[in-house]
Amino acid sequence: MVEKKLEAVQKVSESVSQVQARAEVDVQIAELRAEIARLTEAVSAIGSGTKAVVQGEAELMVERVRERVREEPLSTLVTVAGVSFLFGLISRR
């Protein structure tokens, strides 16, 4: 009879341990989900910042090219013709 009661207490103890372990795992999962959400926001912010920087640089390069074409149209035309010719030679091979 004592053995039966001891077994019952052990089963209850094991059940409590399992419930506690499950609760700990649930807390860890919630923390991981929150961390993933924070990381997602950080990556999104980095992407937006990078996009703005690249867009600004592209606009600056376009403006520089336009100024160069306005200042030296003949040399720009010769350069474009030379690059096109070389590109045509390379693409034939």
Protein backbone atom coordinates (compact mmCIF):
# COMPACT_ATOMS: atom_id res chain seq x y z
CA MET A 1 0.00 0.00 0.00
CA VAL A 2 2.84 2.34 0.79
CA GLU A 3 4.44 1.42 -2.52
CA LYS A 4 1.25 2.32 -4.40
CA LYS A 5 1.11 5.70 -2.70
CA LEU A 6 4.82 6.24 -3.44
CA GLU A 7 4.22 5.40 -7.12
CA ALA A 8 1.25 7.78 -7.24
CA VAL A 9 3.34 10.58 -5.72
CA GLN A 10 6.13 9.90 -8.23
CA LYS A 11 3.65 10.03 -11.13
CA VAL A 12 2.25 13.33 -9.87
CA SER A 13 5.80 14.65 -9.44
CA GLU A 14 6.69 13.61 -12.98
CA SER A 15 3.51 15.27 -14.31
CA VAL A 16 4.36 18.49 -12.48
CA SER A 17 7.89 18.37 -13.87
CA GLN A 18 6.55 17.90 -17.39
CA VAL A 19 4.13 20.81 -16.97
CA GLN A 20 6.93 23.03 -15.67
CA ALA A 21 9.21 22.00 -18.54
CA ARG A 22 6.43 22.72 -21.03
CA ALA A 23 5.85 26.14 -19.46
CA GLU A 24 9.57 26.94 -19.70
CA VAL A 25 9.63 25.90 -23.35
CA ASP A 26 6.59 28.06 -24.07
CA VAL A 27 8.29 31.06 -22.46
CA GLN A 28 11.43 30.45 -24.51
CA ILE A 29 9.39 30.19 -27.70
CA ALA A 30 7.65 33.49 -26.92
CA GLU A 31 11.03 35.15 -26.29
CA LEU A 32 12.40 33.78 -29.57
CA ARG A 33 9.38 35.07 -31.48
CA ALA A 34 9.87 38.52 -29.98
CA GLU A 35 13.57 38.44 -30.90
CA ILE A 36 12.74 37.41 -34.46
CA ALA A 37 10.31 40.32 -34.71
CA ARG A 38 13.00 42.75 -33.49
CA LEU A 39 15.54 41.32 -35.94
CA THR A 40 13.04 41.58 -38.80
CA GLU A 41 12.49 45.25 -38.00
CA ALA A 42 16.25 45.87 -37.83
CA VAL A 43 16.86 44.19 -41.18
CA SER A 44 14.04 46.19 -42.73
CA ALA A 45 15.51 49.43 -41.40
CA ILE A 46 18.95 48.51 -42.74
CA GLY A 47 17.44 47.68 -46.13
CA SER A 48 15.62 51.00 -46.28
CA GLY A 49 18.77 52.88 -45.33
CA THR A 50 20.83 51.04 -47.91
CA LYS A 51 18.23 51.73 -50.59
CA ALA A 52 18.32 55.44 -49.80
CA VAL A 53 22.13 55.55 -49.96
CA VAL A 54 22.28 53.66 -53.27
CA GLN A 55 19.55 55.81 -54.75
CA GLY A 56 21.39 58.96 -53.71
CA GLU A 57 24.65 57.73 -55.21
CA ALA A 58 22.94 56.79 -58.46
CA GLU A 59 21.34 60.21 -58.74
CA LEU A 60 24.73 61.85 -58.10
CA MET A 61 26.40 59.76 -60.83
CA VAL A 62 23.63 60.59 -63.31
CA GLU A 63 24.05 64.28 -62.59
CA ARG A 64 27.84 64.05 -63.04
CA VAL A 65 27.41 62.31 -66.39
CA ARG A 66 24.94 64.96 -67.53
CA GLU A 67 27.34 67.73 -66.57
CA ARG A 68 30.18 66.00 -68.38
CA VAL A 69 28.10 65.60 -71.54
CA ARG A 70 27.13 69.29 -71.44
CA GLU A 71 30.73 70.44 -70.88
CA GLU A 72 32.45 68.13 -73.37
CA PRO A 73 29.95 66.69 -75.87
CA LEU A 74 32.53 65.72 -78.49
CA SER A 75 34.83 63.79 -76.15
CA THR A 76 31.79 62.09 -74.61
CA LEU A 77 30.60 61.01 -78.04
CA VAL A 78 34.05 59.64 -78.93
CA THR A 79 34.22 57.77 -75.60
CA VAL A 80 30.78 56.23 -76.07
CA ALA A 81 31.65 55.21 -79.64
CA GLY A 82 34.91 53.61 -78.46
CA VAL A 83 33.26 51.70 -75.64
CA SER A 84 30.49 50.55 -77.98
CA PHE A 85 33.04 49.39 -80.52
CA LEU A 86 34.97 47.41 -77.88
CA PHE A 87 31.76 45.93 -76.53
CA GLY A 88 30.81 44.88 -80.06
CA LEU A 89 34.19 43.19 -80.56
CA ILE A 90 33.96 41.34 -77.28
CA SER A 91 30.39 40.20 -77.86
CA ARG A 92 31.33 38.65 -81.25
CA ARG A 93 33.61 36.13 -79.59
